[in-house]
Amino acid sequence: MIDKEQVARERAKEHYWKNREENLKRSRLYRLNNKEELSIRRKPAQAAYRKNLRTRILDAYGRKCSNPECGYDKDERALDLDHIYGKKAEGHEGLGAQRIYQIIIRENFPKDRYRILCRNCNWLKFQDVLAQK
Protein backbone atom coordinates (compact mmCIF):
# COMPACT_ATOMS: atom_id res chain seq x y z
CA MET A 1 0.00 0.00 0.00
CA ILE A 2 1.33 3.43 -0.96
CA ASP A 3 1.67 5.94 1.86
CA LYS A 4 -0.06 9.30 1.18
CA GLU A 5 2.78 11.22 2.83
CA GLN A 6 5.33 9.48 0.61
CA VAL A 7 3.31 10.34 -2.50
CA ALA A 8 3.08 13.96 -1.37
CA ARG A 9 6.86 14.06 -0.77
CA GLU A 10 7.52 12.64 -4.22
CA ARG A 11 5.22 15.23 -5.85
CA ALA A 12 6.89 18.05 -3.91
CA LYS A 13 10.31 16.79 -4.99
CA GLU A 14 9.23 16.63 -8.64
CA HIS A 15 7.74 20.13 -8.40
CA TYR A 16 10.95 21.45 -6.83
CA TRP A 17 13.17 20.08 -9.57
CA LYS A 18 10.76 21.14 -12.32
CA ASN A 19 10.72 24.76 -11.04
CA ARG A 20 14.15 24.89 -9.42
CA GLU A 21 15.69 27.73 -11.45
CA GLU A 22 12.62 29.93 -11.13
CA ASN A 23 12.45 29.34 -7.36
CA LEU A 24 16.16 30.10 -6.94
CA LYS A 25 15.77 33.36 -8.86
CA ARG A 26 12.76 34.32 -6.76
CA SER A 27 14.56 33.58 -3.48
CA ARG A 28 17.70 35.48 -4.61
CA LEU A 29 15.57 38.48 -5.50
CA TYR A 30 13.77 38.30 -2.14
CA ARG A 31 17.08 38.17 -0.26
CA LEU A 32 18.39 41.16 -2.23
CA ASN A 33 15.26 43.23 -1.57
CA ASN A 34 14.99 42.29 2.12
CA LYS A 35 18.61 42.23 3.28
CA GLU A 36 18.09 44.41 6.32
CA GLU A 37 15.01 42.57 7.57
CA LEU A 38 16.66 39.18 7.11
CA SER A 39 19.79 40.40 8.86
CA ILE A 40 17.79 41.60 11.86
CA ARG A 41 15.92 38.29 12.08
CA ARG A 42 19.11 36.26 11.74
CA LYS A 43 21.23 38.12 14.32
CA PRO A 44 19.84 36.50 17.51
CA ALA A 45 20.19 33.01 16.05
CA GLN A 46 23.73 33.71 14.85
CA ALA A 47 24.73 35.10 18.24
CA ALA A 48 23.30 32.04 20.00
CA TYR A 49 25.15 29.75 17.58
CA ARG A 50 28.48 31.53 18.17
CA LYS A 51 27.96 31.45 21.94
CA ASN A 52 27.24 27.72 21.76
CA LEU A 53 30.45 27.11 19.79
CA ARG A 54 32.50 29.10 22.30
CA THR A 55 30.86 27.28 25.22
CA ARG A 56 31.74 23.92 23.69
CA ILE A 57 35.37 25.04 23.23
CA LEU A 58 35.64 26.33 26.81
CA ASP A 59 34.08 23.12 28.17
CA ALA A 60 36.47 20.93 26.19
CA TYR A 61 39.63 22.82 27.15
CA GLY A 62 38.67 23.73 30.71
CA ARG A 63 37.26 27.05 31.77
CA LYS A 64 40.50 28.52 33.10
CA CYS A 65 43.85 29.83 31.90
CA SER A 66 46.18 26.90 31.21
CA ASN A 67 49.24 28.89 32.31
CA PRO A 68 50.21 27.20 35.61
CA GLU A 69 51.41 30.53 37.04
CA CYS A 70 48.04 32.17 36.36
CA GLY A 71 45.01 29.85 36.38
CA TYR A 72 42.56 32.75 35.86
CA ASP A 73 38.94 31.51 35.85
CA LYS A 74 36.82 34.40 37.18
CA ASP A 75 35.21 35.65 33.95
CA GLU A 76 35.03 33.56 30.79
CA ARG A 77 34.87 36.69 28.63
CA ALA A 78 38.56 37.20 29.47
CA LEU A 79 39.54 33.75 28.20
CA ASP A 80 40.93 33.19 24.70
CA LEU A 81 41.66 30.16 22.60
CA ASP A 82 45.41 29.97 22.02
CA HIS A 83 47.02 28.30 19.01
CA ILE A 84 50.04 26.75 20.69
CA TYR A 85 52.08 26.81 17.45
CA GLY A 86 50.44 29.95 16.02
CA LYS A 87 47.63 30.51 13.52
CA LYS A 88 50.01 30.31 10.59
CA ALA A 89 51.19 26.83 11.56
CA GLU A 90 47.58 25.64 11.82
CA GLY A 91 46.60 27.20 8.47
CA HIS A 92 44.05 29.43 10.23
CA GLU A 93 45.51 32.77 9.24
CA GLY A 94 42.72 35.09 8.15
CA LEU A 95 39.91 32.92 9.56
CA GLY A 96 37.44 34.25 12.11
CA ALA A 97 36.82 32.72 15.52
CA GLN A 98 33.58 31.01 14.47
CA ARG A 99 35.25 29.16 11.60
CA ILE A 100 38.23 28.17 13.77
CA TYR A 101 35.85 26.85 16.47
CA GLN A 102 34.03 24.77 13.84
CA ILE A 103 37.33 23.28 12.65
CA ILE A 104 38.42 22.45 16.20
CA ILE A 105 35.10 20.79 16.99
CA ARG A 106 35.27 18.79 13.76
CA GLU A 107 38.80 17.67 14.74
CA ASN A 108 37.47 16.57 18.16
CA PHE A 109 39.25 19.22 20.27
CA PRO A 110 42.97 18.41 19.79
CA LYS A 111 44.66 19.22 23.11
CA ASP A 112 48.17 19.21 21.67
CA ARG A 113 47.52 22.21 19.38
CA TYR A 114 45.14 24.47 21.35
CA ARG A 115 44.64 25.64 24.90
CA ILE A 116 42.80 28.33 26.84
CA LEU A 117 44.74 31.39 28.03
CA CYS A 118 43.51 34.50 29.76
CA ARG A 119 43.89 37.68 27.73
CA ASN A 120 46.92 38.78 29.76
CA CYS A 121 48.83 35.53 29.26
CA ASN A 122 47.86 35.47 25.60
CA TRP A 123 49.16 39.04 25.16
CA LEU A 124 52.41 38.19 26.95
CA LYS A 125 52.87 35.15 24.71
CA PHE A 126 52.28 37.36 21.65
CA GLN A 127 54.86 39.88 22.87
CA ASP A 128 57.39 37.06 23.44
CA VAL A 129 56.86 35.85 19.87
CA LEU A 130 57.40 39.39 18.54
CA ALA A 131 60.57 39.77 20.59
CA GLN A 132 61.99 36.57 19.12
CA LYS A 133 61.63 37.83 15.54
C-alpha atoms as a PDB file:
ATOM      1  CA  MET A   1       0.000   0.000   0.000  1.00  0.00           C
ATOM      2  CA  ILE A   2       1.331   3.432  -0.959  1.00  0.00           C
ATOM      3  CA  ASP A   3       1.672   5.945   1.862  1.00  0.00           C
ATOM      4  CA  LYS A   4      -0.062   9.295   1.183  1.00  0.00           C
ATOM      5  CA  GLU A   5       2.778  11.224   2.829  1.00  0.00           C
ATOM      6  CA  GLN A   6       5.326   9.475   0.613  1.00  0.00           C
ATOM      7  CA  VAL A   7       3.313  10.340  -2.504  1.00  0.00           C
ATOM      8  CA  ALA A   8       3.083  13.959  -1.370  1.00  0.00           C
ATOM      9  CA  ARG A   9       6.864  14.061  -0.768  1.00  0.00           C
ATOM     10  CA  GLU A  10       7.522  12.642  -4.223  1.00  0.00           C
ATOM     11  CA  ARG A  11       5.223  15.229  -5.846  1.00  0.00           C
ATOM     12  CA  ALA A  12       6.892  18.046  -3.909  1.00  0.00           C
ATOM     13  CA  LYS A  13      10.309  16.788  -4.991  1.00  0.00           C
ATOM     14  CA  GLU A  14       9.226  16.635  -8.645  1.00  0.00           C
ATOM     15  CA  HIS A  15       7.742  20.134  -8.398  1.00  0.00           C
ATOM     16  CA  TYR A  16      10.951  21.454  -6.827  1.00  0.00           C
ATOM     17  CA  TRP A  17      13.173  20.078  -9.567  1.00  0.00           C
ATOM     18  CA  LYS A  18      10.761  21.140 -12.317  1.00  0.00           C
ATOM     19  CA  ASN A  19      10.716  24.758 -11.038  1.00  0.00           C
ATOM     20  CA  ARG A  20      14.148  24.888  -9.423  1.00  0.00           C
ATOM     21  CA  GLU A  21      15.688  27.730 -11.450  1.00  0.00           C
ATOM     22  CA  GLU A  22      12.624  29.933 -11.127  1.00  0.00           C
ATOM     23  CA  ASN A  23      12.453  29.344  -7.357  1.00  0.00           C
ATOM     24  CA  LEU A  24      16.159  30.100  -6.945  1.00  0.00           C
ATOM     25  CA  LYS A  25      15.771  33.362  -8.858  1.00  0.00           C
ATOM     26  CA  ARG A  26      12.762  34.316  -6.758  1.00  0.00           C
ATOM     27  CA  SER A  27      14.556  33.583  -3.485  1.00  0.00           C
ATOM     28  CA  ARG A  28      17.701  35.477  -4.610  1.00  0.00           C
ATOM     29  CA  LEU A  29      15.566  38.480  -5.500  1.00  0.00           C
ATOM     30  CA  TYR A  30      13.768  38.296  -2.143  1.00  0.00           C
ATOM     31  CA  ARG A  31      17.077  38.169  -0.260  1.00  0.00           C
ATOM     32  CA  LEU A  32      18.390  41.157  -2.229  1.00  0.00           C
ATOM     33  CA  ASN A  33      15.257  43.230  -1.575  1.00  0.00           C
ATOM     34  CA  ASN A  34      14.993  42.291   2.120  1.00  0.00           C
ATOM     35  CA  LYS A  35      18.613  42.233   3.278  1.00  0.00           C
ATOM     36  CA  GLU A  36      18.094  44.412   6.324  1.00  0.00           C
ATOM     37  CA  GLU A  37      15.008  42.570   7.574  1.00  0.00           C
ATOM     38  CA  LEU A  38      16.664  39.184   7.109  1.00  0.00           C
ATOM     39  CA  SER A  39      19.794  40.399   8.861  1.00  0.00           C
ATOM     40  CA  ILE A  40      17.795  41.604  11.860  1.00  0.00           C
ATOM     41  CA  ARG A  41      15.915  38.287  12.077  1.00  0.00           C
ATOM     42  CA  ARG A  42      19.106  36.261  11.735  1.00  0.00           C
ATOM     43  CA  LYS A  43      21.234  38.122  14.322  1.00  0.00           C
ATOM     44  CA  PRO A  44      19.845  36.496  17.510  1.00  0.00           C
ATOM     45  CA  ALA A  45      20.187  33.009  16.045  1.00  0.00           C
ATOM     46  CA  GLN A  46      23.732  33.712  14.853  1.00  0.00           C
ATOM     47  CA  ALA A  47      24.730  35.104  18.245  1.00  0.00           C
ATOM     48  CA  ALA A  48      23.303  32.040  20.003  1.00  0.00           C
ATOM     49  CA  TYR A  49      25.148  29.752  17.582  1.00  0.00           C
ATOM     50  CA  ARG A  50      28.483  31.534  18.168  1.00  0.00           C
ATOM     51  CA  LYS A  51      27.960  31.445  21.941  1.00  0.00           C
ATOM     52  CA  ASN A  52      27.241  27.716  21.757  1.00  0.00           C
ATOM     53  CA  LEU A  53      30.452  27.111  19.789  1.00  0.00           C
ATOM     54  CA  ARG A  54      32.498  29.098  22.301  1.00  0.00           C
ATOM     55  CA  THR A  55      30.862  27.277  25.225  1.00  0.00           C
ATOM     56  CA  ARG A  56      31.739  23.918  23.686  1.00  0.00           C
ATOM     57  CA  ILE A  57      35.365  25.035  23.226  1.00  0.00           C
ATOM     58  CA  LEU A  58      35.639  26.328  26.808  1.00  0.00           C
ATOM     59  CA  ASP A  59      34.078  23.122  28.166  1.00  0.00           C
ATOM     60  CA  ALA A  60      36.466  20.934  26.187  1.00  0.00           C
ATOM     61  CA  TYR A  61      39.633  22.822  27.154  1.00  0.00           C
ATOM     62  CA  GLY A  62      38.670  23.730  30.707  1.00  0.00           C
ATOM     63  CA  ARG A  63      37.265  27.050  31.774  1.00  0.00           C
ATOM     64  CA  LYS A  64      40.501  28.515  33.098  1.00  0.00           C
ATOM     65  CA  CYS A  65      43.853  29.826  31.903  1.00  0.00           C
ATOM     66  CA  SER A  66      46.179  26.900  31.213  1.00  0.00           C
ATOM     67  CA  ASN A  67      49.244  28.886  32.307  1.00  0.00           C
ATOM     68  CA  PRO A  68      50.208  27.204  35.615  1.00  0.00           C
ATOM     69  CA  GLU A  69      51.413  30.532  37.038  1.00  0.00           C
ATOM     70  CA  CYS A  70      48.042  32.165  36.361  1.00  0.00           C
ATOM     71  CA  GLY A  71      45.009  29.852  36.382  1.00  0.00           C
ATOM     72  CA  TYR A  72      42.556  32.746  35.864  1.00  0.00           C
ATOM     73  CA  ASP A  73      38.939  31.509  35.853  1.00  0.00           C
ATOM     74  CA  LYS A  74      36.825  34.399  37.179  1.00  0.00           C
ATOM     75  CA  ASP A  75      35.207  35.650  33.953  1.00  0.00           C
ATOM     76  CA  GLU A  76      35.029  33.557  30.792  1.00  0.00           C
ATOM     77  CA  ARG A  77      34.869  36.690  28.635  1.00  0.00           C
ATOM     78  CA  ALA A  78      38.556  37.199  29.466  1.00  0.00           C
ATOM     79  CA  LEU A  79      39.537  33.749  28.202  1.00  0.00           C
ATOM     80  CA  ASP A  80      40.926  33.189  24.700  1.00  0.00           C
ATOM     81  CA  LEU A  81      41.664  30.160  22.598  1.00  0.00           C
ATOM     82  CA  ASP A  82      45.407  29.965  22.020  1.00  0.00           C
ATOM     83  CA  HIS A  83      47.016  28.298  19.014  1.00  0.00           C
ATOM     84  CA  ILE A  84      50.044  26.746  20.686  1.00  0.00           C
ATOM     85  CA  TYR A  85      52.080  26.814  17.455  1.00  0.00           C
ATOM     86  CA  GLY A  86      50.443  29.949  16.021  1.00  0.00           C
ATOM     87  CA  LYS A  87      47.635  30.514  13.525  1.00  0.00           C
ATOM     88  CA  LYS A  88      50.005  30.313  10.590  1.00  0.00           C
ATOM     89  CA  ALA A  89      51.194  26.828  11.560  1.00  0.00           C
ATOM     90  CA  GLU A  90      47.581  25.640  11.816  1.00  0.00           C
ATOM     91  CA  GLY A  91      46.598  27.200   8.474  1.00  0.00           C
ATOM     92  CA  HIS A  92      44.052  29.428  10.233  1.00  0.00           C
ATOM     93  CA  GLU A  93      45.515  32.769   9.238  1.00  0.00           C
ATOM     94  CA  GLY A  94      42.719  35.086   8.149  1.00  0.00           C
ATOM     95  CA  LEU A  95      39.910  32.924   9.563  1.00  0.00           C
ATOM     96  CA  GLY A  96      37.445  34.247  12.109  1.00  0.00           C
ATOM     97  CA  ALA A  97      36.817  32.716  15.519  1.00  0.00           C
ATOM     98  CA  GLN A  98      33.582  31.006  14.468  1.00  0.00           C
ATOM     99  CA  ARG A  99      35.249  29.160  11.598  1.00  0.00           C
ATOM    100  CA  ILE A 100      38.226  28.170  13.770  1.00  0.00           C
ATOM    101  CA  TYR A 101      35.851  26.851  16.468  1.00  0.00           C
ATOM    102  CA  GLN A 102      34.034  24.772  13.842  1.00  0.00           C
ATOM    103  CA  ILE A 103      37.330  23.280  12.650  1.00  0.00           C
ATOM    104  CA  ILE A 104      38.422  22.445  16.199  1.00  0.00           C
ATOM    105  CA  ILE A 105      35.099  20.792  16.990  1.00  0.00           C
ATOM    106  CA  ARG A 106      35.272  18.786  13.761  1.00  0.00           C
ATOM    107  CA  GLU A 107      38.800  17.668  14.736  1.00  0.00           C
ATOM    108  CA  ASN A 108      37.471  16.574  18.157  1.00  0.00           C
ATOM    109  CA  PHE A 109      39.251  19.225  20.268  1.00  0.00           C
ATOM    110  CA  PRO A 110      42.968  18.410  19.786  1.00  0.00           C
ATOM    111  CA  LYS A 111      44.656  19.217  23.105  1.00  0.00           C
ATOM    112  CA  ASP A 112      48.167  19.209  21.669  1.00  0.00           C
ATOM    113  CA  ARG A 113      47.517  22.214  19.384  1.00  0.00           C
ATOM    114  CA  TYR A 114      45.140  24.470  21.348  1.00  0.00           C
ATOM    115  CA  ARG A 115      44.644  25.644  24.903  1.00  0.00           C
ATOM    116  CA  ILE A 116      42.800  28.332  26.837  1.00  0.00           C
ATOM    117  CA  LEU A 117      44.742  31.385  28.031  1.00  0.00           C
ATOM    118  CA  CYS A 118      43.511  34.503  29.761  1.00  0.00           C
ATOM    119  CA  ARG A 119      43.888  37.681  27.728  1.00  0.00           C
ATOM    120  CA  ASN A 120      46.920  38.781  29.759  1.00  0.00           C
ATOM    121  CA  CYS A 121      48.827  35.530  29.260  1.00  0.00           C
ATOM    122  CA  ASN A 122      47.858  35.466  25.596  1.00  0.00           C
ATOM    123  CA  TRP A 123      49.159  39.038  25.158  1.00  0.00           C
ATOM    124  CA  LEU A 124      52.406  38.194  26.946  1.00  0.00           C
ATOM    125  CA  LYS A 125      52.873  35.152  24.707  1.00  0.00           C
ATOM    126  CA  PHE A 126      52.276  37.363  21.654  1.00  0.00           C
ATOM    127  CA  GLN A 127      54.863  39.880  22.871  1.00  0.00           C
ATOM    128  CA  ASP A 128      57.387  37.065  23.444  1.00  0.00           C
ATOM    129  CA  VAL A 129      56.860  35.848  19.874  1.00  0.00           C
ATOM    130  CA  LEU A 130      57.398  39.386  18.544  1.00  0.00           C
ATOM    131  CA  ALA A 131      60.573  39.774  20.588  1.00  0.00           C
ATOM    132  CA  GLN A 132      61.994  36.567  19.121  1.00  0.00           C
ATOM    133  CA  LYS A 133      61.627  37.834  15.536  1.00  0.00           C
END
